N, C-alpha and C. Protein backbone atom coordinates (compact mmCIF):
# COMPACT_ATOMS: atom_id res chain seq x y z
N UNK A 1 -81.30 126.31 60.00
CA UNK A 1 -81.70 125.05 61.02
C UNK A 1 -82.28 125.62 62.06
N UNK A 2 -83.21 125.01 62.57
CA UNK A 2 -83.79 125.58 63.81
C UNK A 2 -82.78 125.44 65.20
N UNK A 3 -82.96 126.10 66.06
CA UNK A 3 -82.06 125.97 67.38
C UNK A 3 -82.38 124.83 68.06
N UNK A 4 -81.47 124.09 68.45
CA UNK A 4 -81.35 122.95 69.43
C UNK A 4 -81.02 123.21 70.61
N UNK A 5 -81.88 122.91 71.75
CA UNK A 5 -81.57 123.10 72.95
C UNK A 5 -80.33 122.15 73.42
N UNK A 6 -79.76 122.67 74.51
CA UNK A 6 -78.61 121.93 75.16
C UNK A 6 -78.97 120.60 75.44
N UNK A 7 -80.15 120.48 76.03
CA UNK A 7 -80.74 118.92 76.55
C UNK A 7 -80.83 118.00 75.22
N UNK A 8 -81.38 118.72 74.19
CA UNK A 8 -81.53 117.75 73.09
C UNK A 8 -80.17 117.44 72.36
N UNK A 9 -79.10 118.39 72.38
CA UNK A 9 -77.94 118.03 71.99
C UNK A 9 -77.22 116.80 72.78
N UNK A 10 -77.35 117.05 74.24
CA UNK A 10 -76.93 115.99 75.02
C UNK A 10 -77.40 114.55 74.61
N UNK A 11 -78.67 114.72 74.71
CA UNK A 11 -79.71 113.45 74.25
C UNK A 11 -79.09 112.88 72.87
N UNK A 12 -78.81 113.62 71.95
CA UNK A 12 -78.23 113.19 70.54
C UNK A 12 -76.84 112.50 70.85
N UNK A 13 -76.21 113.36 71.77
CA UNK A 13 -74.79 112.92 71.95
C UNK A 13 -74.62 111.56 72.61
N UNK A 14 -75.80 111.31 73.45
CA UNK A 14 -75.81 109.85 74.04
C UNK A 14 -76.11 108.73 73.15
N UNK A 15 -76.96 109.29 71.94
CA UNK A 15 -77.27 108.32 70.90
C UNK A 15 -76.15 107.95 70.25
N UNK A 16 -75.29 109.07 69.90
CA UNK A 16 -74.15 109.00 69.22
C UNK A 16 -73.22 108.00 69.84
N UNK A 17 -72.92 107.92 71.12
CA UNK A 17 -72.15 107.24 71.95
C UNK A 17 -72.85 105.74 72.17
N UNK A 18 -74.01 105.58 71.89
CA UNK A 18 -74.66 104.41 72.06
C UNK A 18 -74.27 103.57 70.59
N UNK A 19 -74.34 104.37 69.60
CA UNK A 19 -74.09 103.81 68.15
C UNK A 19 -72.79 103.13 68.16
N UNK A 20 -71.64 103.97 68.60
CA UNK A 20 -70.22 103.51 68.75
C UNK A 20 -70.23 102.35 69.69
N UNK A 21 -70.83 102.26 70.83
CA UNK A 21 -70.87 101.28 71.87
C UNK A 21 -71.33 100.04 71.39
N UNK A 22 -72.37 100.26 70.45
CA UNK A 22 -73.09 99.04 69.97
C UNK A 22 -72.36 98.16 68.87
N UNK A 23 -71.00 98.69 68.52
CA UNK A 23 -70.34 98.08 67.48
C UNK A 23 -68.92 97.45 68.13
N UNK A 24 -68.52 96.16 67.61
CA UNK A 24 -67.38 95.82 67.86
C UNK A 24 -66.36 95.85 66.91
N UNK A 25 -66.78 96.20 65.60
CA UNK A 25 -65.86 96.43 64.66
C UNK A 25 -66.31 97.67 63.88
N UNK A 26 -65.20 98.19 63.27
CA UNK A 26 -65.38 99.53 62.52
C UNK A 26 -65.10 99.34 61.00
N UNK A 27 -65.81 99.95 60.25
CA UNK A 27 -65.58 99.79 58.77
C UNK A 27 -64.46 100.85 58.47
N UNK A 28 -63.54 100.70 57.70
CA UNK A 28 -62.51 101.69 57.59
C UNK A 28 -62.23 101.79 55.97
N UNK A 29 -62.03 103.02 55.49
CA UNK A 29 -61.81 103.44 54.20
C UNK A 29 -60.37 103.92 53.91
N UNK A 30 -59.50 103.28 53.24
CA UNK A 30 -58.02 103.77 53.10
C UNK A 30 -57.76 103.92 51.61
N UNK A 31 -56.81 104.51 51.28
CA UNK A 31 -56.30 104.77 49.85
C UNK A 31 -54.80 103.93 49.72
N UNK A 32 -54.71 103.12 48.38
CA UNK A 32 -53.64 102.68 48.24
C UNK A 32 -52.63 103.76 47.89
N UNK A 33 -51.32 103.34 47.54
CA UNK A 33 -50.22 104.32 47.45
C UNK A 33 -50.46 104.99 45.79
N UNK A 34 -51.31 104.26 45.07
CA UNK A 34 -51.84 104.76 43.81
C UNK A 34 -53.16 105.63 43.83
N UNK A 35 -53.69 105.69 45.18
CA UNK A 35 -54.79 106.57 45.22
C UNK A 35 -56.24 105.55 45.04
N UNK A 36 -56.13 104.40 44.87
CA UNK A 36 -57.21 103.46 44.82
C UNK A 36 -57.79 103.21 46.05
N UNK A 37 -59.08 103.56 46.32
CA UNK A 37 -59.90 103.44 47.65
C UNK A 37 -59.85 102.03 47.78
N UNK A 38 -59.99 101.52 49.11
CA UNK A 38 -60.08 100.25 49.72
C UNK A 38 -61.04 100.37 50.91
N UNK A 39 -62.11 99.46 50.93
CA UNK A 39 -62.71 99.45 52.08
C UNK A 39 -62.74 98.12 52.74
N UNK A 40 -62.88 98.10 54.20
CA UNK A 40 -62.52 96.84 54.85
C UNK A 40 -63.12 97.07 56.31
N UNK A 41 -62.77 96.32 57.22
CA UNK A 41 -63.19 96.39 58.59
C UNK A 41 -62.25 95.68 59.42
N UNK A 42 -62.31 96.02 60.73
CA UNK A 42 -61.39 95.32 61.76
C UNK A 42 -62.13 95.73 63.27
N UNK A 43 -61.94 94.69 64.02
CA UNK A 43 -62.23 94.74 65.31
C UNK A 43 -61.48 95.86 66.04
N UNK A 44 -61.96 96.48 67.02
CA UNK A 44 -61.39 97.87 67.54
C UNK A 44 -61.68 97.65 69.09
N UNK A 45 -60.67 98.70 69.86
CA UNK A 45 -60.91 99.06 71.25
C UNK A 45 -60.95 100.58 71.19
N UNK A 46 -61.17 101.45 72.02
CA UNK A 46 -61.37 102.72 72.18
C UNK A 46 -60.89 103.19 73.37
N UNK A 47 -59.86 104.18 73.49
CA UNK A 47 -59.35 104.52 74.82
C UNK A 47 -60.23 105.68 75.44
N UNK A 48 -59.94 106.08 76.66
CA UNK A 48 -60.53 107.15 77.10
C UNK A 48 -60.36 108.47 76.37
N UNK A 49 -59.52 108.58 75.59
CA UNK A 49 -59.10 109.80 74.97
C UNK A 49 -59.89 109.91 73.64
N UNK A 50 -60.54 108.79 73.37
CA UNK A 50 -61.25 108.76 71.94
C UNK A 50 -60.35 108.20 70.80
N UNK A 51 -59.38 107.65 71.19
CA UNK A 51 -58.51 107.05 69.96
C UNK A 51 -58.80 105.51 69.95
N UNK A 52 -58.93 105.08 68.57
CA UNK A 52 -59.45 103.69 68.27
C UNK A 52 -58.07 102.98 67.89
N UNK A 53 -58.14 101.77 68.52
CA UNK A 53 -56.75 100.78 68.09
C UNK A 53 -57.38 99.56 67.25
N UNK A 54 -56.77 99.27 66.23
CA UNK A 54 -56.86 98.13 65.54
C UNK A 54 -55.65 97.33 65.32
N UNK A 55 -55.72 95.94 65.32
CA UNK A 55 -54.61 95.04 64.96
C UNK A 55 -54.89 94.19 63.72
N UNK A 56 -53.90 94.52 62.55
CA UNK A 56 -54.26 94.05 61.47
C UNK A 56 -53.19 93.50 60.74
N UNK A 57 -53.32 92.37 59.76
CA UNK A 57 -52.39 91.62 59.07
C UNK A 57 -51.89 92.52 57.86
N UNK A 58 -50.64 92.16 57.54
CA UNK A 58 -50.09 92.68 56.20
C UNK A 58 -50.68 91.95 55.21
N UNK A 59 -51.38 91.09 55.47
CA UNK A 59 -52.18 90.32 54.23
C UNK A 59 -53.43 91.15 53.82
N UNK A 60 -53.88 92.01 54.60
CA UNK A 60 -54.96 92.78 54.36
C UNK A 60 -54.48 94.16 53.68
N UNK A 61 -55.26 94.40 52.51
CA UNK A 61 -54.79 95.69 51.85
C UNK A 61 -54.69 96.78 52.73
N UNK A 62 -55.66 97.24 53.69
CA UNK A 62 -55.68 98.08 54.64
C UNK A 62 -54.45 98.41 55.34
N UNK A 63 -53.85 97.37 55.73
CA UNK A 63 -52.43 97.51 56.33
C UNK A 63 -51.43 98.39 55.57
N UNK A 64 -51.03 97.78 54.36
CA UNK A 64 -50.29 98.54 53.49
C UNK A 64 -50.57 100.00 53.30
N UNK A 65 -52.04 100.13 52.97
CA UNK A 65 -52.44 101.49 52.88
C UNK A 65 -52.18 102.38 54.05
N UNK A 66 -52.30 101.85 55.28
CA UNK A 66 -52.08 102.70 56.50
C UNK A 66 -50.68 102.85 56.76
N UNK A 67 -49.73 102.08 56.34
CA UNK A 67 -48.47 102.46 56.49
C UNK A 67 -47.88 103.42 55.45
N UNK A 68 -48.54 103.46 54.33
CA UNK A 68 -47.96 104.47 53.36
C UNK A 68 -48.75 105.67 53.37
N UNK A 69 -50.14 105.66 53.74
CA UNK A 69 -50.95 107.11 53.86
C UNK A 69 -51.76 106.80 55.16
N UNK A 70 -51.39 107.71 56.14
CA UNK A 70 -52.00 107.69 57.37
C UNK A 70 -53.42 108.00 57.24
N UNK A 71 -54.05 108.61 56.49
CA UNK A 71 -55.41 109.28 56.31
C UNK A 71 -56.40 108.06 56.16
N UNK A 72 -57.40 108.02 57.01
CA UNK A 72 -58.45 106.90 56.99
C UNK A 72 -59.59 107.46 57.48
N UNK A 73 -60.71 107.01 56.84
CA UNK A 73 -62.10 107.24 57.48
C UNK A 73 -62.58 106.02 58.06
N UNK A 74 -63.31 106.11 59.02
CA UNK A 74 -63.92 105.11 59.78
C UNK A 74 -65.40 105.22 59.65
N UNK A 75 -66.27 104.26 59.84
CA UNK A 75 -67.64 104.26 59.57
C UNK A 75 -68.32 103.38 60.81
N UNK A 76 -69.26 103.88 61.45
CA UNK A 76 -70.20 103.22 62.24
C UNK A 76 -71.46 103.34 61.73
N UNK A 77 -72.29 102.20 61.49
CA UNK A 77 -73.59 102.44 60.99
C UNK A 77 -74.62 101.47 61.63
N UNK A 78 -75.96 102.07 61.94
CA UNK A 78 -76.93 101.24 62.38
C UNK A 78 -77.16 99.87 61.49
N UNK A 79 -77.40 99.02 62.12
CA UNK A 79 -77.72 97.52 61.36
C UNK A 79 -79.10 97.86 60.47
N UNK A 80 -78.97 97.35 59.32
CA UNK A 80 -79.99 97.39 58.48
C UNK A 80 -81.40 96.92 59.06
N UNK A 81 -81.37 95.95 59.82
CA UNK A 81 -82.61 95.45 60.22
C UNK A 81 -83.11 96.29 61.59
N UNK A 82 -82.40 97.24 61.98
CA UNK A 82 -82.80 98.18 62.76
C UNK A 82 -83.24 99.67 62.38
N UNK A 83 -82.89 99.83 60.94
CA UNK A 83 -83.07 100.91 60.41
C UNK A 83 -84.62 101.20 59.86
N UNK A 84 -85.21 102.66 60.24
CA UNK A 84 -86.56 102.78 59.63
C UNK A 84 -86.43 102.78 58.22
N UNK A 85 -85.41 103.58 57.81
CA UNK A 85 -85.14 103.77 56.28
C UNK A 85 -84.03 103.63 55.95
N UNK A 86 -83.75 102.52 54.90
CA UNK A 86 -82.30 102.27 54.52
C UNK A 86 -81.48 103.42 53.66
N UNK A 87 -82.39 104.51 53.24
CA UNK A 87 -81.75 105.61 52.66
C UNK A 87 -81.20 106.54 53.69
N UNK A 88 -81.52 106.50 54.91
CA UNK A 88 -81.29 107.40 55.98
C UNK A 88 -80.85 106.63 57.22
N UNK A 89 -80.02 105.51 56.99
CA UNK A 89 -79.59 105.01 58.35
C UNK A 89 -78.61 106.00 59.18
N UNK A 90 -78.81 105.79 60.43
CA UNK A 90 -77.95 106.37 61.62
C UNK A 90 -76.74 105.99 61.32
N UNK A 91 -75.55 106.90 61.13
CA UNK A 91 -74.25 106.50 61.06
C UNK A 91 -73.31 107.79 61.56
N UNK A 92 -72.19 107.52 61.83
CA UNK A 92 -71.07 108.30 62.17
C UNK A 92 -69.67 107.90 61.30
N UNK A 93 -69.19 108.92 60.80
CA UNK A 93 -68.06 108.96 60.01
C UNK A 93 -67.01 109.62 60.70
N UNK A 94 -65.79 109.18 61.09
CA UNK A 94 -64.76 109.93 61.49
C UNK A 94 -63.44 109.88 60.71
N UNK A 95 -62.96 111.09 60.34
CA UNK A 95 -61.85 111.15 59.59
C UNK A 95 -60.63 111.14 60.55
N UNK A 96 -59.78 110.23 60.37
CA UNK A 96 -58.71 109.96 61.39
C UNK A 96 -57.30 109.96 60.73
N UNK A 97 -56.38 110.06 61.43
CA UNK A 97 -54.92 109.97 61.07
C UNK A 97 -54.21 108.67 61.94
N UNK A 98 -53.80 107.67 61.09
CA UNK A 98 -53.46 106.54 61.74
C UNK A 98 -51.95 106.55 62.13
N UNK A 99 -51.60 106.14 63.18
CA UNK A 99 -50.18 106.08 63.69
C UNK A 99 -49.96 104.60 64.03
N UNK A 100 -48.80 103.90 63.38
CA UNK A 100 -48.56 102.55 63.62
C UNK A 100 -47.77 102.69 65.18
N UNK A 101 -48.17 101.62 65.91
CA UNK A 101 -47.53 101.52 67.40
C UNK A 101 -46.75 100.19 67.20
N UNK A 102 -45.41 100.48 67.36
CA UNK A 102 -44.48 99.32 67.02
C UNK A 102 -44.34 98.54 68.42
N UNK A 103 -43.92 97.30 68.18
CA UNK A 103 -43.85 96.30 69.24
C UNK A 103 -43.03 96.80 70.48
N UNK A 104 -42.21 97.65 70.41
CA UNK A 104 -41.21 98.09 71.57
C UNK A 104 -41.72 99.68 71.98
N UNK A 105 -42.80 99.93 71.49
CA UNK A 105 -43.43 101.24 71.73
C UNK A 105 -44.10 101.21 73.25
N UNK A 106 -44.17 102.22 74.02
CA UNK A 106 -44.77 102.38 75.22
C UNK A 106 -46.41 102.12 74.93
N UNK A 107 -47.00 101.55 75.53
CA UNK A 107 -48.49 101.31 75.27
C UNK A 107 -48.70 100.11 74.38
N UNK A 108 -47.89 99.62 73.57
CA UNK A 108 -47.93 98.46 72.80
C UNK A 108 -48.83 97.22 73.55
N UNK A 109 -48.10 96.76 74.59
CA UNK A 109 -48.72 95.51 75.32
C UNK A 109 -50.06 95.91 75.89
N UNK A 110 -50.06 97.05 76.50
CA UNK A 110 -51.40 97.60 77.24
C UNK A 110 -52.43 97.48 76.02
N UNK A 111 -52.43 98.08 75.04
CA UNK A 111 -53.52 98.09 73.98
C UNK A 111 -53.88 96.66 73.48
N UNK A 112 -52.95 95.89 73.25
CA UNK A 112 -53.16 94.40 72.86
C UNK A 112 -53.84 93.64 73.86
N UNK A 113 -53.48 93.98 75.11
CA UNK A 113 -54.32 93.16 76.26
C UNK A 113 -55.68 94.01 76.30
N UNK A 114 -56.06 95.06 75.99
CA UNK A 114 -57.31 95.67 75.78
C UNK A 114 -58.10 94.92 74.84
N UNK A 115 -57.46 94.62 73.63
CA UNK A 115 -57.96 93.85 72.56
C UNK A 115 -58.24 92.40 73.01
N UNK A 116 -57.51 91.79 73.73
CA UNK A 116 -57.62 90.58 74.13
C UNK A 116 -58.62 90.35 75.31
N UNK A 117 -58.74 91.39 76.01
CA UNK A 117 -59.90 91.45 77.00
C UNK A 117 -61.12 91.53 76.40
N UNK A 118 -61.30 92.21 75.29
CA UNK A 118 -62.39 92.48 74.65
C UNK A 118 -62.68 91.13 73.48
N UNK A 119 -61.87 90.62 72.95
CA UNK A 119 -62.02 89.83 72.05
C UNK A 119 -61.57 88.35 72.19
N UNK A 120 -60.88 88.12 73.34
CA UNK A 120 -60.60 86.88 73.77
C UNK A 120 -59.03 86.37 73.13
N UNK A 121 -59.00 85.01 73.40
CA UNK A 121 -57.55 84.36 73.12
C UNK A 121 -57.26 84.41 71.69
N UNK A 122 -58.07 84.64 70.68
CA UNK A 122 -57.68 84.88 69.27
C UNK A 122 -56.63 86.00 69.17
N UNK A 123 -56.75 86.99 70.00
CA UNK A 123 -55.61 87.99 70.08
C UNK A 123 -54.24 87.51 70.56
N UNK A 124 -54.39 86.58 71.57
CA UNK A 124 -53.15 86.07 71.93
C UNK A 124 -52.41 85.17 70.85
N UNK A 125 -53.00 84.58 69.98
CA UNK A 125 -52.68 83.76 68.95
C UNK A 125 -52.04 84.83 67.83
N UNK A 126 -52.83 85.95 67.58
CA UNK A 126 -52.43 86.89 66.56
C UNK A 126 -51.18 87.67 66.96
N UNK A 127 -51.20 87.93 68.27
CA UNK A 127 -49.94 88.75 68.79
C UNK A 127 -48.71 87.96 68.53
N UNK A 128 -48.71 86.80 68.40
CA UNK A 128 -47.41 85.88 68.11
C UNK A 128 -46.95 85.99 66.54
N UNK A 129 -47.90 86.56 65.70
CA UNK A 129 -47.54 86.47 64.21
C UNK A 129 -46.91 87.69 64.07
N UNK A 130 -45.79 87.77 63.32
CA UNK A 130 -44.90 89.02 63.06
C UNK A 130 -45.64 89.84 61.96
N UNK A 131 -46.58 89.36 61.13
CA UNK A 131 -47.29 90.44 60.08
C UNK A 131 -48.39 91.13 60.73
N UNK A 132 -48.63 91.11 61.95
CA UNK A 132 -49.75 91.80 62.43
C UNK A 132 -49.13 93.15 62.87
N UNK A 133 -49.86 94.21 62.68
CA UNK A 133 -49.40 95.56 63.15
C UNK A 133 -50.65 96.29 64.05
N UNK A 134 -50.19 97.12 64.82
CA UNK A 134 -51.11 97.65 65.85
C UNK A 134 -51.14 99.12 65.29
N UNK A 135 -52.38 99.79 65.17
CA UNK A 135 -52.49 101.10 64.91
C UNK A 135 -53.35 101.77 65.85
N UNK A 136 -53.06 103.23 65.90
CA UNK A 136 -53.88 103.97 66.69
C UNK A 136 -54.59 104.99 65.73
N UNK A 137 -55.91 104.96 65.60
CA UNK A 137 -56.56 105.82 64.79
C UNK A 137 -56.96 106.99 65.52
N UNK A 138 -56.35 108.22 65.28
CA UNK A 138 -56.70 109.47 65.83
C UNK A 138 -57.67 110.32 65.20
N UNK A 139 -59.01 110.34 65.74
CA UNK A 139 -59.91 111.24 65.00
C UNK A 139 -59.60 112.70 64.90
N UNK A 140 -59.69 113.29 63.77
CA UNK A 140 -59.30 114.75 63.49
C UNK A 140 -60.74 115.45 63.13
N UNK A 141 -61.89 114.85 62.71
CA UNK A 141 -63.06 115.44 62.38
C UNK A 141 -64.03 114.31 62.28
N UNK A 142 -65.30 114.62 62.34
CA UNK A 142 -66.41 113.72 62.12
C UNK A 142 -67.73 114.36 61.90
N UNK A 143 -68.72 113.52 61.51
CA UNK A 143 -69.97 113.64 61.29
C UNK A 143 -70.69 112.66 61.87
N UNK A 144 -71.94 112.80 62.41
CA UNK A 144 -73.01 112.16 62.80
C UNK A 144 -74.34 112.20 62.17
N UNK A 145 -74.93 111.30 61.57
CA UNK A 145 -75.99 111.67 60.95
C UNK A 145 -77.25 110.69 61.38
N UNK A 146 -78.37 111.23 61.63
CA UNK A 146 -79.46 110.45 62.30
C UNK A 146 -80.49 110.34 61.25
N UNK A 147 -80.48 110.89 59.96
CA UNK A 147 -81.52 110.77 59.01
C UNK A 147 -81.51 111.84 58.16
N UNK A 148 -82.49 111.84 57.41
CA UNK A 148 -82.90 113.04 56.38
C UNK A 148 -82.67 114.32 56.96
N UNK A 149 -81.66 115.11 56.78
CA UNK A 149 -81.62 116.71 57.37
C UNK A 149 -81.31 116.77 58.64
N UNK A 150 -80.71 115.55 59.17
CA UNK A 150 -80.22 115.69 60.69
C UNK A 150 -78.87 115.09 60.71
N UNK A 151 -77.75 116.25 60.46
CA UNK A 151 -76.64 115.89 60.46
C UNK A 151 -75.74 116.84 61.54
N UNK A 152 -74.78 116.28 62.14
CA UNK A 152 -74.05 116.83 63.26
C UNK A 152 -72.64 116.85 62.96
N UNK A 153 -71.97 117.73 63.12
CA UNK A 153 -70.51 117.66 63.21
C UNK A 153 -70.09 117.14 64.62
N UNK A 154 -69.05 116.28 64.75
CA UNK A 154 -68.55 115.87 66.00
C UNK A 154 -67.31 116.64 66.38
N UNK A 155 -67.23 117.17 67.54
CA UNK A 155 -65.96 117.58 68.10
C UNK A 155 -65.22 116.70 68.70
N UNK A 156 -64.16 116.33 68.13
CA UNK A 156 -63.50 115.06 68.29
C UNK A 156 -62.62 115.18 69.76
N UNK A 157 -62.52 116.49 70.12
CA UNK A 157 -61.90 116.66 71.42
C UNK A 157 -62.80 116.40 72.58
N UNK A 158 -64.06 116.47 72.55
CA UNK A 158 -64.94 116.01 73.67
C UNK A 158 -66.24 115.18 73.21
N UNK A 159 -66.11 114.81 72.04
CA UNK A 159 -67.45 114.19 71.28
C UNK A 159 -68.56 114.94 71.49
N UNK A 160 -68.55 116.06 71.67
CA UNK A 160 -69.85 116.92 71.48
C UNK A 160 -70.37 117.12 70.15
N UNK A 161 -71.63 117.34 69.98
CA UNK A 161 -72.30 117.45 68.79
C UNK A 161 -72.73 118.93 68.35
N UNK A 162 -72.60 119.32 67.32
CA UNK A 162 -73.18 120.65 66.82
C UNK A 162 -73.85 120.53 65.37
N UNK A 163 -75.14 121.09 65.24
CA UNK A 163 -75.79 120.90 63.88
C UNK A 163 -75.03 121.39 62.82
N UNK A 164 -75.08 120.66 61.83
CA UNK A 164 -74.42 121.09 60.45
C UNK A 164 -75.21 122.40 59.66
């Protein structure tokens, strides 16, 4: 691959951040205890350290999956209507480790307030339901793809990009 300038990488990094910022939900892929894959989505907030937080019901398959297997992949993808080519949509995939934040943990109330600030009173209603769980999704690795032959590894510690 040809050498990419520092400025070009910074510009790509800004595009990556814009893609994530343009989304209010993330697509998540989890595995059941038997290994059967499951794909779903959830509204999220992200903190300054790059950790994603979701608040999900036990009625959703992904909640049981996350409780039994903390490995999860999350996807952010450019809307179809905005894509130049549906075979090469701009996207970011982050492989994460999920951690449940129980109701008496430090930070639980703050993260739910962040969700409520972003999504409104529906979160206030959901927090009263005992079947909802708060999860922190800690990115461990990632890939950002802008199109054919334009893939970059995401350094999850600082969100910088490097050509693959």
